[in-house]
Amino acid sequence: MTAEIASTSAPVIGWDLGGVHVKAALVRDGRVETVVQAPCPLWRGLPALDATFSGLPDWARGQADHVVTMTGELTDCFADRADGVAQLADWAGAKLAGSVRIYGGRAGLTDPNRARDLAVDIASANWHATAALVGRYRSHALLVDIGSTTADLIPIVGGVPAATGYSDAERSETGELVYTGVVRSHPIALTDHAPFRGRRTRLMAETFATMADAYRITGDLPEGADQQGSADGKGKSLRESETRLARLIGRDHGEGASADWQALAAHFAEAQMRPLHDAAALLLSRADLPADAPLVVCGAGRFLAERLAARLGRPTVALTDLIADALPRTGADWASTCGPAVAVALLAAS
């Protein structure tokens, strides 16, 4: 997404440094002017981040008040999360022009040189930023941010994030983090079997396909959401996605018709919905969330979050509708996909 940049006031740029994507949002005078997401194979080390950064629009490398959140610290190029937090914070302090602050969730904003000491608070705290922003608009809600890799389900109570867990491990135990997303997740992580032409077939225990293939076949995958290479390194046409899904059940593409591959993709979509439904139902059963608390939805998988809300009989509010007054006329979908980057920028700007 690109927009004209007309104002001359000092901008705020929010960053979300992930393990597979870099996201940035430019805010000036309390309004989001433009948002960008770019692929970044961070598991190859910080040179991959340098390469991605060099390809971003000029505004991302300009003088600004930079505010950084991250999830990339869990990437296996780092010794551990504290090492990842420290290295990413040092990178931001060295590469970003202007002032740089690191978002520490419950610890607030901090200088990059203090990041290692606050690593427990900083690590993967991007969910906290989005939830804190939602809390400014809704006193009680369940934030459901379904991305390319993971899903965050965060209760908002009294206008503040009210997650029981904080770290990835803790939130995985509480249902506030479901490690599944609409692009990079593998169907074999969701189920070990599938129906095909009246028979129950076991899946091949291989990463032949991703959920991006399934949602491409169902027609749900948003334009531009899949910025990663395919599982077999080939293209992303409908036929190529069907071929990859066919391999999961030991079949060739020619052994099924379009309707068969549609049904198979729908089965995997349902398999992904089930753990999300269970996690949301658990969280919505909390005594401090009223029965009419809406689901505030965002992310590349917003379409899935909307279906989850309908399944639960809950009202739905898009994050982009909550902050519509701060968004440009076009490009709101990218603001939804890059929710944490938008959130840290807006929080810092205010």
Protein backbone atom coordinates (compact mmCIF):
# COMPACT_ATOMS: atom_id res chain seq x y z
CA MET A 1 0.00 0.00 0.00
CA THR A 2 1.29 3.45 -0.86
CA ALA A 3 -0.14 6.89 -0.16
CA GLU A 4 0.90 10.47 -0.78
CA ILE A 5 2.90 12.03 2.05
CA ALA A 6 1.99 15.70 2.21
CA SER A 7 2.48 16.84 5.81
CA THR A 8 5.84 18.19 7.00
CA SER A 9 5.47 17.36 10.71
CA ALA A 10 7.80 14.82 12.28
CA PRO A 11 6.51 11.31 11.53
CA VAL A 12 6.24 8.25 13.75
CA ILE A 13 7.07 4.89 12.19
CA GLY A 14 5.86 1.74 13.89
CA TRP A 15 7.78 -1.48 13.18
CA ASP A 16 6.94 -5.13 13.67
CA LEU A 17 10.10 -7.18 13.10
CA GLY A 18 8.95 -10.74 12.54
CA GLY A 19 10.66 -13.98 11.66
CA VAL A 20 9.26 -14.03 8.12
CA HIS A 21 7.95 -10.49 7.51
CA VAL A 22 8.91 -6.94 8.29
CA LYS A 23 5.97 -4.57 8.71
CA ALA A 24 6.08 -0.80 9.03
CA ALA A 25 3.45 1.92 9.40
CA LEU A 26 4.00 5.64 8.88
CA VAL A 27 1.92 7.93 11.10
CA ARG A 28 1.85 11.71 10.92
CA ASP A 29 -0.45 14.04 12.86
CA GLY A 30 -2.17 11.02 14.38
CA ARG A 31 -3.08 9.51 11.00
CA VAL A 32 -1.71 6.46 9.20
CA GLU A 33 -0.33 7.60 5.86
CA THR A 34 1.05 4.35 4.49
CA VAL A 35 1.83 0.76 5.51
CA VAL A 36 4.20 -1.80 4.07
CA GLN A 37 4.87 -5.51 4.57
CA ALA A 38 7.88 -7.25 3.05
CA PRO A 39 9.12 -10.84 3.30
CA CYS A 40 12.24 -11.40 5.41
CA PRO A 41 13.88 -14.83 5.91
CA LEU A 42 15.29 -13.81 9.28
CA TRP A 43 16.31 -17.37 10.10
CA ARG A 44 19.28 -16.70 7.78
CA GLY A 45 20.54 -14.01 10.16
CA LEU A 46 20.58 -10.23 10.37
CA PRO A 47 21.96 -9.82 6.81
CA ALA A 48 18.51 -10.96 5.63
CA LEU A 49 16.98 -8.12 7.64
CA ASP A 50 19.45 -5.69 6.09
CA ALA A 51 18.45 -6.86 2.61
CA THR A 52 14.74 -6.46 3.34
CA PHE A 53 15.29 -3.04 4.89
CA SER A 54 17.20 -1.82 1.84
CA GLY A 55 14.24 -2.70 -0.36
CA LEU A 56 11.61 -0.85 1.67
CA PRO A 57 10.17 2.49 0.51
CA ASP A 58 12.32 5.56 1.14
CA TRP A 59 10.08 6.80 3.97
CA ALA A 60 10.95 3.74 6.06
CA ARG A 61 14.60 4.76 6.11
CA GLY A 62 13.92 8.42 6.80
CA GLN A 63 14.24 10.48 9.95
CA ALA A 64 11.41 9.65 12.34
CA ASP A 65 10.40 8.64 15.82
CA HIS A 66 10.75 4.87 15.37
CA VAL A 67 8.87 2.52 17.70
CA VAL A 68 9.68 -1.17 17.37
CA THR A 69 7.89 -4.32 18.41
CA MET A 70 9.04 -7.78 17.43
CA THR A 71 8.44 -11.51 17.15
CA GLY A 72 11.60 -12.34 15.23
CA GLU A 73 13.56 -12.93 18.42
CA LEU A 74 12.35 -16.53 18.50
CA THR A 75 14.00 -17.26 15.13
CA ASP A 76 16.59 -20.00 15.35
CA CYS A 77 19.46 -17.79 14.14
CA PHE A 78 19.59 -16.45 17.70
CA ALA A 79 20.93 -18.29 20.73
CA ASP A 80 17.71 -17.67 22.67
CA ARG A 81 14.97 -15.07 22.95
CA ALA A 82 17.00 -12.68 25.08
CA ASP A 83 19.78 -12.79 22.50
CA GLY A 84 17.25 -12.21 19.72
CA VAL A 85 15.67 -9.26 21.50
CA ALA A 86 19.06 -7.69 22.14
CA GLN A 87 20.29 -8.17 18.57
CA LEU A 88 17.10 -6.87 16.97
CA ALA A 89 17.03 -3.87 19.30
CA ASP A 90 20.70 -3.14 18.53
CA TRP A 91 19.94 -3.46 14.82
CA ALA A 92 17.06 -0.98 15.12
CA GLY A 93 19.19 1.46 17.10
CA ALA A 94 21.93 1.32 14.48
CA LYS A 95 19.87 1.26 11.27
CA LEU A 96 16.82 3.44 11.89
CA ALA A 97 17.34 7.17 11.39
CA GLY A 98 16.11 9.35 14.24
CA SER A 99 14.97 8.33 17.71
CA VAL A 100 14.34 4.64 18.42
CA ARG A 101 12.26 3.12 21.19
CA ILE A 102 11.42 -0.53 21.80
CA TYR A 103 7.90 -1.55 22.78
CA GLY A 104 7.98 -3.62 25.96
CA GLY A 105 4.29 -4.33 26.43
CA ARG A 106 3.59 -4.16 30.14
CA ALA A 107 7.00 -2.47 30.63
CA GLY A 108 6.19 0.38 28.24
CA LEU A 109 8.66 1.95 25.82
CA THR A 110 12.38 1.62 26.42
CA ASP A 111 15.73 2.53 24.93
CA PRO A 112 17.36 -0.15 22.71
CA ASN A 113 20.34 -0.45 25.05
CA ARG A 114 18.05 -1.66 27.84
CA ALA A 115 16.35 -4.29 25.69
CA ARG A 116 18.33 -7.29 26.92
CA ASP A 117 17.41 -6.52 30.54
CA LEU A 118 13.72 -6.27 29.56
CA ALA A 119 13.74 -9.18 27.10
CA VAL A 120 10.97 -11.04 28.94
CA ASP A 121 8.66 -8.05 28.44
CA ILE A 122 9.74 -7.21 24.88
CA ALA A 123 9.79 -10.68 23.34
CA SER A 124 6.79 -11.22 21.05
CA ALA A 125 4.84 -8.40 22.70
CA ASN A 126 3.32 -7.19 19.43
CA TRP A 127 -0.06 -8.64 20.47
CA HIS A 128 -0.03 -6.37 23.52
CA ALA A 129 0.27 -3.27 21.33
CA THR A 130 -2.74 -4.19 19.21
CA ALA A 131 -4.77 -5.06 22.31
CA ALA A 132 -3.80 -1.78 24.01
CA LEU A 133 -4.99 0.14 20.95
CA VAL A 134 -8.28 -1.78 20.85
CA GLY A 135 -8.79 -0.97 24.53
CA ARG A 136 -8.95 2.72 23.66
CA TYR A 137 -12.08 2.05 21.62
CA ARG A 138 -13.76 -0.89 23.36
CA SER A 139 -13.83 -1.46 27.10
CA HIS A 140 -14.63 -5.16 26.70
CA ALA A 141 -13.81 -7.30 23.67
CA LEU A 142 -11.87 -10.29 22.43
CA LEU A 143 -9.17 -9.30 19.97
CA VAL A 144 -8.69 -12.00 17.33
CA ASP A 145 -5.65 -11.31 15.14
CA ILE A 146 -5.09 -14.19 12.71
CA GLY A 147 -1.89 -13.78 10.76
CA SER A 148 0.14 -15.77 8.30
CA THR A 149 1.67 -17.97 11.01
CA THR A 150 -0.11 -17.53 14.34
CA ALA A 151 -3.35 -16.34 15.89
CA ASP A 152 -3.61 -14.09 18.96
CA LEU A 153 -6.81 -14.12 21.01
CA ILE A 154 -6.58 -11.40 23.65
CA PRO A 155 -9.30 -10.45 26.14
CA ILE A 156 -9.80 -6.71 26.65
CA VAL A 157 -11.29 -5.93 30.06
CA GLY A 158 -11.86 -2.40 31.34
CA GLY A 159 -10.08 -1.01 28.30
CA VAL A 160 -6.78 -2.80 28.89
CA PRO A 161 -5.24 -6.09 27.70
CA ALA A 162 -6.30 -8.81 30.14
CA ALA A 163 -4.42 -11.85 28.88
CA THR A 164 -3.75 -14.44 31.56
CA GLY A 165 -0.48 -15.42 29.90
CA TYR A 166 2.25 -13.13 28.61
CA SER A 167 5.02 -15.14 26.98
CA ASP A 168 4.39 -17.35 23.97
CA ALA A 169 4.61 -20.42 26.17
CA GLU A 170 2.14 -19.05 28.73
CA ARG A 171 -0.33 -17.86 26.10
CA SER A 172 -0.16 -21.23 24.35
CA GLU A 173 -1.29 -22.79 27.61
CA THR A 174 -4.17 -20.35 28.08
CA GLY A 175 -5.50 -20.40 24.49
CA GLU A 176 -4.44 -16.78 23.94
CA LEU A 177 -1.93 -17.93 21.32
CA VAL A 178 -2.90 -20.55 18.77
CA TYR A 179 0.06 -21.41 16.59
CA THR A 180 -1.77 -21.53 13.29
CA GLY A 181 -2.10 -19.05 10.43
CA VAL A 182 -3.65 -18.71 7.00
CA VAL A 183 -0.45 -18.74 4.94
CA ARG A 184 2.47 -20.68 6.42
CA SER A 185 0.76 -23.35 8.53
CA HIS A 186 0.89 -26.90 7.22
CA PRO A 187 -2.33 -28.91 6.93
CA ILE A 188 -0.63 -31.93 8.49
CA ALA A 189 -0.33 -29.90 11.73
CA LEU A 190 -4.13 -29.65 11.85
CA THR A 191 -5.33 -33.16 11.07
CA ASP A 192 -3.95 -36.57 10.13
CA HIS A 193 -6.72 -37.57 7.74
CA ALA A 194 -9.10 -36.19 5.15
CA PRO A 195 -12.18 -37.35 3.23
CA PHE A 196 -11.78 -38.01 -0.47
CA ARG A 197 -14.53 -39.36 -2.68
CA GLY A 198 -16.32 -41.17 0.09
CA ARG A 199 -13.27 -42.64 1.80
CA ARG A 200 -11.25 -41.58 4.81
CA THR A 201 -7.59 -41.29 3.85
CA ARG A 202 -4.55 -40.69 6.01
CA LEU A 203 -2.32 -37.78 5.08
CA MET A 204 1.25 -38.10 3.93
CA ALA A 205 3.44 -36.93 6.82
CA GLU A 206 5.15 -34.34 4.63
CA THR A 207 5.00 -30.58 4.19
CA PHE A 208 3.74 -30.84 0.63
CA ALA A 209 1.36 -27.88 0.97
CA THR A 210 0.46 -24.92 3.16
CA MET A 211 -2.80 -23.34 4.22
CA ALA A 212 -2.14 -20.64 1.62
CA ASP A 213 -2.81 -23.36 -0.95
CA ALA A 214 -6.05 -24.36 0.78
CA TYR A 215 -7.34 -20.80 0.98
CA ARG A 216 -6.26 -20.04 -2.57
CA ILE A 217 -8.47 -22.93 -3.67
CA THR A 218 -11.43 -21.79 -1.54
CA GLY A 219 -10.98 -18.24 -2.84
CA ASP A 220 -10.45 -16.72 0.62
CA LEU A 221 -6.77 -15.78 0.55
CA PRO A 222 -6.40 -11.99 0.39
CA GLU A 223 -4.45 -10.54 -2.52
CA GLY A 224 -0.78 -10.24 -1.63
CA ALA A 225 -1.05 -12.15 1.66
CA ASP A 226 1.23 -15.00 0.54
CA GLN A 227 4.70 -13.49 0.22
CA GLN A 228 6.56 -16.75 0.91
CA GLY A 229 7.79 -19.41 -1.47
CA SER A 230 5.48 -22.34 -2.08
CA ALA A 231 6.17 -25.71 -0.47
CA ASP A 232 7.56 -27.17 -3.70
CA GLY A 233 9.18 -23.99 -4.95
CA LYS A 234 6.76 -23.78 -7.87
CA GLY A 235 4.08 -21.25 -8.75
CA LYS A 236 0.89 -20.21 -7.02
CA SER A 237 -1.73 -20.83 -9.66
CA LEU A 238 -4.94 -22.58 -8.69
CA ARG A 239 -3.82 -25.76 -10.43
CA GLU A 240 -0.43 -25.74 -8.70
CA SER A 241 -2.12 -25.32 -5.32
CA GLU A 242 -4.49 -28.20 -6.12
CA THR A 243 -1.50 -30.34 -7.10
CA ARG A 244 0.22 -29.69 -3.77
CA LEU A 245 -2.93 -30.55 -1.82
CA ALA A 246 -3.37 -33.73 -3.87
CA ARG A 247 0.10 -34.91 -2.82
CA LEU A 248 -0.99 -34.74 0.82
CA ILE A 249 -3.38 -37.62 0.18
CA GLY A 250 -0.98 -39.49 -2.08
CA ARG A 251 -2.76 -38.46 -5.27
CA ASP A 252 -1.89 -36.80 -8.55
CA HIS A 253 -3.85 -33.80 -9.71
CA GLY A 254 -5.52 -35.76 -12.49
CA GLU A 255 -7.10 -38.17 -10.00
CA GLY A 256 -9.62 -35.56 -8.88
CA ALA A 257 -11.85 -32.86 -10.27
CA SER A 258 -12.01 -29.22 -9.22
CA ALA A 259 -14.87 -30.03 -6.83
CA ASP A 260 -12.74 -32.69 -5.13
CA TRP A 261 -9.91 -30.28 -4.45
CA GLN A 262 -12.40 -27.65 -3.26
CA ALA A 263 -13.80 -30.16 -0.78
CA LEU A 264 -10.32 -31.13 0.39
CA ALA A 265 -9.35 -27.49 0.90
CA ALA A 266 -12.59 -26.86 2.82
CA HIS A 267 -11.78 -29.82 5.08
CA PHE A 268 -8.43 -28.30 6.00
CA ALA A 269 -10.07 -24.91 6.57
CA GLU A 270 -12.51 -26.55 8.99
CA ALA A 271 -9.64 -28.34 10.72
CA GLN A 272 -7.97 -24.97 11.27
CA MET A 273 -11.16 -23.43 12.59
CA ARG A 274 -11.63 -26.02 15.33
CA PRO A 275 -8.70 -25.10 17.62
CA LEU A 276 -9.51 -21.42 17.12
CA HIS A 277 -13.13 -22.05 18.10
CA ASP A 278 -12.10 -23.99 21.21
CA ALA A 279 -9.66 -21.28 22.30
CA ALA A 280 -12.16 -18.47 21.73
CA ALA A 281 -14.96 -20.33 23.52
CA LEU A 282 -12.71 -20.84 26.53
CA LEU A 283 -11.75 -17.16 26.70
CA LEU A 284 -15.29 -15.92 26.16
CA SER A 285 -16.43 -18.04 29.10
CA ARG A 286 -14.47 -15.76 31.45
CA ALA A 287 -16.68 -14.04 34.01
CA ASP A 288 -15.16 -10.64 33.25
CA LEU A 289 -16.16 -10.68 29.57
CA PRO A 290 -19.85 -9.79 29.09
CA ALA A 291 -22.04 -11.87 26.80
CA ASP A 292 -22.22 -9.09 24.21
CA ALA A 293 -18.47 -8.48 24.05
CA PRO A 294 -17.55 -8.34 20.34
CA LEU A 295 -14.70 -9.96 18.54
CA VAL A 296 -12.37 -7.28 17.18
CA VAL A 297 -10.77 -8.87 14.14
CA CYS A 298 -7.67 -8.17 12.09
CA GLY A 299 -4.76 -9.81 10.32
CA ALA A 300 -4.25 -11.55 7.00
CA GLY A 301 -6.78 -14.09 8.26
CA ARG A 302 -9.45 -11.56 9.18
CA PHE A 303 -11.90 -13.50 7.03
CA LEU A 304 -11.37 -16.51 9.27
CA ALA A 305 -11.82 -14.41 12.43
CA GLU A 306 -15.11 -13.10 11.03
CA ARG A 307 -16.31 -16.67 10.47
CA LEU A 308 -15.24 -17.55 13.99
CA ALA A 309 -17.37 -14.72 15.38
CA ALA A 310 -20.39 -15.89 13.37
CA ARG A 311 -19.85 -19.42 14.62
CA LEU A 312 -19.79 -18.17 18.19
CA GLY A 313 -22.80 -15.91 17.70
CA ARG A 314 -20.78 -12.82 18.61
CA PRO A 315 -20.81 -9.39 16.98
CA THR A 316 -17.75 -8.54 14.90
CA VAL A 317 -15.87 -5.26 14.68
CA ALA A 318 -12.93 -4.85 12.31
CA LEU A 319 -9.89 -3.16 13.82
CA THR A 320 -9.79 -0.93 10.76
CA ASP A 321 -13.35 0.22 11.48
CA LEU A 322 -12.38 1.14 15.04
CA ILE A 323 -9.52 3.32 13.82
CA ALA A 324 -11.16 4.42 10.55
CA ASP A 325 -10.66 8.11 11.35
CA ALA A 326 -6.91 7.51 11.48
CA LEU A 327 -6.69 5.59 8.19
CA PRO A 328 -6.35 6.73 4.60
CA ARG A 329 -9.24 6.21 2.19
CA THR A 330 -7.49 3.25 0.55
CA GLY A 331 -5.25 0.52 1.92
CA ALA A 332 -7.14 -0.37 5.09
CA ASP A 333 -6.63 -4.08 4.41
CA TRP A 334 -2.88 -3.67 4.77
CA ALA A 335 -3.40 -1.75 8.00
CA SER A 336 -5.32 -4.78 9.25
CA THR A 337 -2.58 -7.19 8.14
CA CYS A 338 0.06 -5.02 9.80
CA GLY A 339 -1.97 -4.34 12.95
CA PRO A 340 0.85 -4.34 15.53
CA ALA A 341 3.01 -1.95 13.47
CA VAL A 342 0.03 0.39 13.11
CA ALA A 343 -0.75 0.01 16.80
CA VAL A 344 2.70 0.88 18.15
CA ALA A 345 2.84 3.91 15.84
CA LEU A 346 -0.56 5.21 16.90
CA LEU A 347 0.12 4.53 20.58
CA ALA A 348 3.43 6.39 20.38
CA ALA A 349 1.95 9.25 18.35
CA SER A 350 -0.68 9.89 21.01
